[in-house]
């Protein structure tokens, strides 16, 4: 992920209460900034797994929480 997407994702995560997945972050990025600048859910998931706590799986998706 580039610096802009990382900054935007961190801003979105600050507003979220509870758990979230890479798909929810991607959906919110698309709502806010359009499809041109949004990366894949795989790269968002890699970023989230390095910086946030993995809580488990729901519907075959990893669920993350703030540390």
Protein backbone atom coordinates (compact mmCIF):
# COMPACT_ATOMS: atom_id res chain seq x y z
CA UNK A 1 0.00 0.00 0.00
CA UNK A 2 1.19 3.50 -0.67
CA UNK A 3 1.43 6.26 1.94
CA UNK A 4 -1.90 7.78 0.99
CA UNK A 5 -3.88 4.55 1.36
CA UNK A 6 -2.17 3.81 4.67
CA UNK A 7 -3.08 7.25 6.00
CA UNK A 8 -6.67 6.96 4.73
CA UNK A 9 -7.04 3.46 6.21
CA UNK A 10 -5.76 4.64 9.60
CA UNK A 11 -8.26 7.54 9.54
CA UNK A 12 -11.11 5.13 8.76
CA UNK A 13 -10.03 2.73 11.51
CA UNK A 14 -10.01 5.56 14.08
CA UNK A 15 -13.73 6.08 13.40
CA UNK A 16 -14.64 2.37 13.65
CA UNK A 17 -15.74 0.95 17.00
CA UNK A 18 -15.19 -2.76 17.48
CA UNK A 19 -13.91 -5.21 14.90
CA UNK A 20 -13.42 -4.82 11.15
CA UNK A 21 -12.18 -6.73 8.14
CA UNK A 22 -10.11 -5.79 5.09
CA UNK A 23 -13.31 -5.82 3.00
CA UNK A 24 -14.99 -3.22 5.22
CA UNK A 25 -11.91 -0.99 5.01
CA UNK A 26 -11.85 -1.35 1.22
CA UNK A 27 -15.56 -0.52 0.95
CA UNK A 28 -15.11 2.63 3.05
CA UNK A 29 -12.05 3.67 1.02
CA UNK A 30 -14.06 3.31 -2.20
CA UNK A 31 -16.92 5.38 -0.73
CA UNK A 32 -14.59 8.16 0.31
CA UNK A 33 -11.91 8.25 -2.41
CA UNK A 34 -13.24 6.31 -5.40
CA UNK A 35 -11.87 3.21 -7.09
CA UNK A 36 -8.83 4.80 -8.71
CA UNK A 37 -6.67 4.93 -5.57
CA UNK A 38 -7.89 1.87 -3.67
CA UNK A 39 -5.69 -1.22 -3.52
CA UNK A 40 -6.77 -4.86 -3.26
CA UNK A 41 -8.11 -6.49 -0.13
CA UNK A 42 -5.02 -8.69 0.00
CA UNK A 43 -2.68 -5.74 0.45
CA UNK A 44 -5.07 -4.16 2.96
CA UNK A 45 -5.12 -7.47 4.85
CA UNK A 46 -1.32 -7.60 4.95
CA UNK A 47 -1.22 -4.05 6.33
CA UNK A 48 -3.88 -4.87 8.94
CA UNK A 49 -2.18 -8.09 10.05
CA UNK A 50 1.07 -6.22 10.65
CA UNK A 51 -0.45 -3.30 12.55
CA UNK A 52 -3.64 -4.56 14.22
CA UNK A 53 -4.67 -7.52 16.35
CA UNK A 54 -6.30 -10.51 14.61
CA UNK A 55 -9.43 -11.54 16.53
CA UNK A 56 -10.53 -14.54 14.48
CA UNK A 57 -12.53 -15.40 11.37
CA UNK A 58 -16.06 -14.55 10.31
CA UNK A 59 -17.42 -15.79 6.96
CA UNK A 60 -13.90 -16.94 5.95
CA UNK A 61 -12.51 -13.42 6.50
CA UNK A 62 -10.03 -12.40 9.16
CA UNK A 63 -11.44 -9.97 11.70
CA UNK A 64 -9.15 -7.32 13.20
CA UNK A 65 -9.31 -5.02 16.24
CA UNK A 66 -7.32 -2.08 17.48
CA UNK A 67 -4.42 -2.89 19.80
